[in-house]
């Protein structure tokens, strides 16, 4: 069940990176969005297949996404919805996966 969250985050991240590139021709948005989306995809696969480090990989992806989005949300004074939404979603996903890591240990 927890793999669904990782796959959803993978789709959101990759779609956001592609949309950012399409809108502003920003290669950093494209690379970061597809890269973090791929990391979430790997995490989802590992979780689905009951392999080691799936939840930990999702925590890393959430941390990277939050680390990139929270400063942008603050910089825009929380007026732009995309950085704010991605910040909140990445924190929620990260908290969920941290709880999963703790539960398994």
N, C-alpha and C. Protein backbone atom coordinates (compact mmCIF):
# COMPACT_ATOMS: atom_id res chain seq x y z
N UNK A 1 0.81 -1.20 0.00
CA UNK A 1 0.00 0.00 0.00
C UNK A 1 0.86 1.26 0.00
N UNK A 2 1.98 1.26 0.73
CA UNK A 2 2.78 2.47 0.81
C UNK A 2 3.52 2.76 -0.50
N UNK A 3 3.54 1.79 -1.40
CA UNK A 3 4.16 2.06 -2.70
C UNK A 3 3.32 3.03 -3.52
N UNK A 4 2.01 3.06 -3.28
CA UNK A 4 1.14 3.98 -4.02
C UNK A 4 1.53 5.43 -3.77
N UNK A 5 1.88 5.74 -2.54
CA UNK A 5 2.30 7.10 -2.21
C UNK A 5 3.57 7.47 -2.98
N UNK A 6 4.51 6.57 -3.03
CA UNK A 6 5.76 6.83 -3.75
C UNK A 6 5.51 7.00 -5.25
N UNK A 7 4.67 6.16 -5.81
CA UNK A 7 4.38 6.28 -7.25
C UNK A 7 3.62 7.57 -7.55
N UNK A 8 2.72 7.98 -6.66
CA UNK A 8 2.00 9.24 -6.84
C UNK A 8 2.97 10.42 -6.77
N UNK A 9 3.88 10.38 -5.80
CA UNK A 9 4.88 11.45 -5.69
C UNK A 9 5.81 11.46 -6.91
N UNK A 10 6.10 10.28 -7.44
CA UNK A 10 6.93 10.20 -8.65
C UNK A 10 6.24 10.91 -9.81
N UNK A 11 4.96 10.64 -9.98
CA UNK A 11 4.20 11.27 -11.06
C UNK A 11 4.09 12.78 -10.86
N UNK A 12 3.83 13.22 -9.64
CA UNK A 12 3.72 14.65 -9.36
C UNK A 12 5.04 15.36 -9.62
N UNK A 13 6.12 14.79 -9.15
CA UNK A 13 7.44 15.41 -9.30
C UNK A 13 7.85 15.50 -10.77
N UNK A 14 7.72 14.40 -11.47
CA UNK A 14 8.11 14.38 -12.89
C UNK A 14 7.23 15.32 -13.71
N UNK A 15 5.93 15.30 -13.46
CA UNK A 15 5.01 16.18 -14.18
C UNK A 15 5.32 17.64 -13.88
N UNK A 16 5.61 17.94 -12.62
CA UNK A 16 5.96 19.31 -12.25
C UNK A 16 7.24 19.78 -12.92
N UNK A 17 8.23 18.92 -12.98
CA UNK A 17 9.48 19.28 -13.65
C UNK A 17 9.29 19.52 -15.13
N UNK A 18 8.50 18.68 -15.76
CA UNK A 18 8.23 18.84 -17.20
C UNK A 18 7.41 20.11 -17.44
N UNK A 19 6.42 20.36 -16.59
CA UNK A 19 5.60 21.57 -16.73
C UNK A 19 6.45 22.83 -16.52
N UNK A 20 7.34 22.79 -15.53
CA UNK A 20 8.23 23.93 -15.30
C UNK A 20 9.13 24.19 -16.50
N UNK A 21 9.60 23.13 -17.10
CA UNK A 21 10.43 23.29 -18.30
C UNK A 21 9.61 23.83 -19.46
N UNK A 22 8.40 23.32 -19.64
CA UNK A 22 7.56 23.76 -20.76
C UNK A 22 7.18 25.23 -20.61
N UNK A 23 6.96 25.66 -19.37
CA UNK A 23 6.52 27.02 -19.14
C UNK A 23 7.67 28.03 -19.23
N UNK A 24 8.82 27.70 -18.66
CA UNK A 24 9.90 28.69 -18.56
C UNK A 24 11.20 28.26 -19.24
N UNK A 25 11.22 27.09 -19.84
CA UNK A 25 12.42 26.52 -20.46
C UNK A 25 13.55 26.37 -19.43
N UNK A 26 13.17 26.00 -18.21
CA UNK A 26 14.12 25.86 -17.12
C UNK A 26 14.63 24.42 -17.07
N UNK A 27 15.88 24.24 -17.49
CA UNK A 27 16.47 22.90 -17.44
C UNK A 27 16.65 22.41 -16.00
N UNK A 28 16.98 23.28 -15.04
CA UNK A 28 17.06 22.80 -13.66
C UNK A 28 15.73 22.22 -13.16
N UNK A 29 14.61 22.84 -13.54
CA UNK A 29 13.30 22.29 -13.16
C UNK A 29 13.08 20.92 -13.76
N UNK A 30 13.44 20.78 -15.02
CA UNK A 30 13.28 19.50 -15.71
C UNK A 30 14.15 18.42 -15.06
N UNK A 31 15.41 18.73 -14.85
CA UNK A 31 16.33 17.74 -14.28
C UNK A 31 15.93 17.37 -12.86
N UNK A 32 15.61 18.38 -12.05
CA UNK A 32 15.22 18.11 -10.65
C UNK A 32 13.91 17.35 -10.59
N UNK A 33 12.91 17.76 -11.36
CA UNK A 33 11.62 17.09 -11.33
C UNK A 33 11.69 15.65 -11.78
N UNK A 34 12.36 15.40 -12.88
CA UNK A 34 12.49 14.04 -13.38
C UNK A 34 13.41 13.21 -12.48
N UNK A 35 14.45 13.85 -11.95
CA UNK A 35 15.37 13.13 -11.05
C UNK A 35 14.69 12.71 -9.76
N UNK A 36 13.98 13.62 -9.12
CA UNK A 36 13.29 13.28 -7.87
C UNK A 36 12.14 12.33 -8.17
N UNK A 37 11.47 12.53 -9.29
CA UNK A 37 10.42 11.59 -9.69
C UNK A 37 10.96 10.19 -9.88
N UNK A 38 12.13 10.09 -10.48
CA UNK A 38 12.77 8.78 -10.66
C UNK A 38 13.14 8.16 -9.33
N UNK A 39 13.63 8.97 -8.41
CA UNK A 39 13.98 8.47 -7.08
C UNK A 39 12.75 7.94 -6.36
N UNK A 40 11.65 8.67 -6.45
CA UNK A 40 10.39 8.17 -5.88
C UNK A 40 9.94 6.89 -6.59
N UNK A 41 10.12 6.83 -7.90
CA UNK A 41 9.75 5.62 -8.63
C UNK A 41 10.55 4.41 -8.19
N UNK A 42 11.84 4.60 -7.98
CA UNK A 42 12.69 3.52 -7.47
C UNK A 42 12.22 3.10 -6.08
N UNK A 43 11.91 4.09 -5.24
CA UNK A 43 11.42 3.79 -3.89
C UNK A 43 10.12 2.98 -3.96
N UNK A 44 9.22 3.39 -4.83
CA UNK A 44 7.95 2.66 -4.97
C UNK A 44 8.17 1.23 -5.42
N UNK A 45 9.09 1.04 -6.35
CA UNK A 45 9.40 -0.32 -6.81
C UNK A 45 9.98 -1.16 -5.68
N UNK A 46 10.94 -0.59 -4.95
CA UNK A 46 11.56 -1.33 -3.85
C UNK A 46 10.53 -1.70 -2.78
N UNK A 47 9.63 -0.77 -2.48
CA UNK A 47 8.60 -1.04 -1.48
C UNK A 47 7.65 -2.12 -1.99
N UNK A 48 7.24 -2.01 -3.23
CA UNK A 48 6.30 -2.97 -3.81
C UNK A 48 6.87 -4.38 -3.84
N UNK A 49 8.16 -4.48 -4.11
CA UNK A 49 8.82 -5.78 -4.20
C UNK A 49 9.38 -6.27 -2.86
N UNK A 50 9.07 -5.54 -1.77
CA UNK A 50 9.55 -5.89 -0.43
C UNK A 50 11.06 -5.99 -0.36
N UNK A 51 11.74 -5.12 -1.06
CA UNK A 51 13.20 -5.09 -1.04
C UNK A 51 13.67 -4.09 0.01
N UNK A 52 14.94 -4.18 0.34
CA UNK A 52 15.52 -3.30 1.36
C UNK A 52 15.60 -1.86 0.86
N UNK A 53 15.51 -0.92 1.80
CA UNK A 53 15.76 0.50 1.61
C UNK A 53 14.73 1.23 0.75
N UNK A 54 13.56 0.68 0.56
CA UNK A 54 12.52 1.38 -0.20
C UNK A 54 12.00 2.60 0.54
N UNK A 55 11.66 2.40 1.81
CA UNK A 55 11.14 3.51 2.60
C UNK A 55 12.21 4.57 2.84
N UNK A 56 13.43 4.13 3.06
CA UNK A 56 14.52 5.07 3.26
C UNK A 56 14.77 5.91 2.00
N UNK A 57 14.66 5.28 0.84
CA UNK A 57 14.82 6.01 -0.42
C UNK A 57 13.73 7.06 -0.58
N UNK A 58 12.51 6.72 -0.17
CA UNK A 58 11.41 7.68 -0.23
C UNK A 58 11.65 8.84 0.73
N UNK A 59 12.24 8.58 1.89
CA UNK A 59 12.58 9.65 2.83
C UNK A 59 13.60 10.60 2.19
N UNK A 60 14.60 10.04 1.53
CA UNK A 60 15.62 10.86 0.87
C UNK A 60 14.98 11.72 -0.22
N UNK A 61 14.11 11.13 -1.03
CA UNK A 61 13.44 11.88 -2.09
C UNK A 61 12.59 13.00 -1.50
N UNK A 62 11.88 12.71 -0.42
CA UNK A 62 11.04 13.73 0.22
C UNK A 62 11.89 14.86 0.79
N UNK A 63 13.03 14.51 1.36
CA UNK A 63 13.93 15.52 1.91
C UNK A 63 14.48 16.43 0.81
N UNK A 64 14.86 15.83 -0.30
CA UNK A 64 15.37 16.62 -1.43
C UNK A 64 14.30 17.55 -1.98
N UNK A 65 13.09 17.02 -2.13
CA UNK A 65 11.99 17.84 -2.66
C UNK A 65 11.66 18.98 -1.70
N UNK A 66 11.57 18.68 -0.42
CA UNK A 66 11.29 19.72 0.57
C UNK A 66 12.42 20.74 0.61
N UNK A 67 13.65 20.26 0.52
CA UNK A 67 14.80 21.16 0.52
C UNK A 67 14.82 22.13 -0.64
N UNK A 68 14.24 21.73 -1.75
CA UNK A 68 14.17 22.62 -2.90
C UNK A 68 12.94 23.51 -2.92
N UNK A 69 11.84 23.02 -2.38
CA UNK A 69 10.59 23.75 -2.46
C UNK A 69 10.33 24.71 -1.29
N UNK A 70 10.75 24.36 -0.10
CA UNK A 70 10.49 25.23 1.05
C UNK A 70 11.15 26.60 0.88
N UNK A 71 12.43 26.67 0.46
CA UNK A 71 13.00 28.01 0.23
C UNK A 71 12.27 28.80 -0.85
N UNK A 72 11.78 28.12 -1.88
CA UNK A 72 11.03 28.83 -2.93
C UNK A 72 9.71 29.35 -2.40
N UNK A 73 9.05 28.55 -1.56
CA UNK A 73 7.79 28.99 -0.98
C UNK A 73 8.02 30.21 -0.08
N UNK A 74 9.08 30.20 0.69
CA UNK A 74 9.40 31.32 1.56
C UNK A 74 9.77 32.55 0.73
N UNK A 75 10.55 32.34 -0.32
CA UNK A 75 10.99 33.44 -1.19
C UNK A 75 9.80 34.16 -1.83
N UNK A 76 8.78 33.40 -2.19
CA UNK A 76 7.59 34.01 -2.81
C UNK A 76 6.57 34.45 -1.77
N UNK A 77 6.96 34.39 -0.49
CA UNK A 77 6.10 34.78 0.63
C UNK A 77 4.79 33.99 0.62
N UNK A 78 4.89 32.74 0.25
CA UNK A 78 3.77 31.81 0.23
C UNK A 78 2.62 32.25 -0.67
N UNK A 79 2.93 33.04 -1.71
CA UNK A 79 1.90 33.52 -2.63
C UNK A 79 1.74 32.67 -3.87
N UNK A 80 2.78 31.91 -4.23
CA UNK A 80 2.67 31.03 -5.40
C UNK A 80 2.26 29.65 -4.93
N UNK A 81 1.21 29.09 -5.52
CA UNK A 81 0.66 27.84 -5.00
C UNK A 81 1.52 26.60 -5.23
N UNK A 82 2.28 26.55 -6.30
CA UNK A 82 3.04 25.33 -6.60
C UNK A 82 4.13 25.07 -5.58
N UNK A 83 5.00 26.04 -5.27
CA UNK A 83 6.02 25.74 -4.25
C UNK A 83 5.42 25.44 -2.88
N UNK A 84 4.35 26.12 -2.54
CA UNK A 84 3.70 25.88 -1.24
C UNK A 84 3.11 24.47 -1.20
N UNK A 85 2.39 24.11 -2.25
CA UNK A 85 1.77 22.78 -2.29
C UNK A 85 2.82 21.68 -2.28
N UNK A 86 3.87 21.82 -3.08
CA UNK A 86 4.91 20.79 -3.10
C UNK A 86 5.66 20.72 -1.78
N UNK A 87 5.82 21.85 -1.11
CA UNK A 87 6.45 21.84 0.21
C UNK A 87 5.62 21.04 1.20
N UNK A 88 4.33 21.33 1.24
CA UNK A 88 3.44 20.63 2.18
C UNK A 88 3.36 19.14 1.85
N UNK A 89 3.22 18.83 0.57
CA UNK A 89 3.10 17.43 0.17
C UNK A 89 4.39 16.66 0.46
N UNK A 90 5.54 17.28 0.21
CA UNK A 90 6.80 16.59 0.46
C UNK A 90 7.03 16.37 1.95
N UNK A 91 6.63 17.33 2.78
CA UNK A 91 6.74 17.15 4.23
C UNK A 91 5.82 16.03 4.70
N UNK A 92 4.60 16.01 4.17
CA UNK A 92 3.65 14.95 4.56
C UNK A 92 4.16 13.57 4.13
N UNK A 93 4.65 13.47 2.90
CA UNK A 93 5.17 12.18 2.42
C UNK A 93 6.40 11.77 3.22
N UNK A 94 7.26 12.72 3.51
CA UNK A 94 8.45 12.42 4.30
C UNK A 94 8.10 11.93 5.69
N UNK A 95 7.13 12.59 6.32
CA UNK A 95 6.69 12.16 7.66
C UNK A 95 6.10 10.76 7.61
N UNK A 96 5.33 10.48 6.57
CA UNK A 96 4.73 9.15 6.41
C UNK A 96 5.81 8.08 6.29
N UNK A 97 6.81 8.34 5.48
CA UNK A 97 7.86 7.34 5.28
C UNK A 97 8.81 7.25 6.47
N UNK A 98 9.03 8.33 7.18
CA UNK A 98 9.82 8.25 8.41
C UNK A 98 9.10 7.34 9.41
N UNK A 99 7.78 7.50 9.51
CA UNK A 99 7.00 6.63 10.39
C UNK A 99 7.11 5.18 9.96
N UNK A 100 7.07 4.92 8.67
CA UNK A 100 7.23 3.55 8.17
C UNK A 100 8.60 2.98 8.52
N UNK A 101 9.64 3.79 8.38
CA UNK A 101 10.98 3.32 8.74
C UNK A 101 11.05 2.99 10.22
N UNK A 102 10.49 3.84 11.06
CA UNK A 102 10.50 3.61 12.50
C UNK A 102 9.70 2.35 12.85
N UNK A 103 8.55 2.16 12.20
CA UNK A 103 7.71 0.99 12.47
C UNK A 103 8.40 -0.32 12.12
N UNK A 104 9.23 -0.30 11.08
CA UNK A 104 9.90 -1.53 10.66
C UNK A 104 11.13 -1.86 11.49
N UNK A 105 11.63 -0.88 12.21
CA UNK A 105 12.84 -1.11 13.03
C UNK A 105 12.51 -1.53 14.41
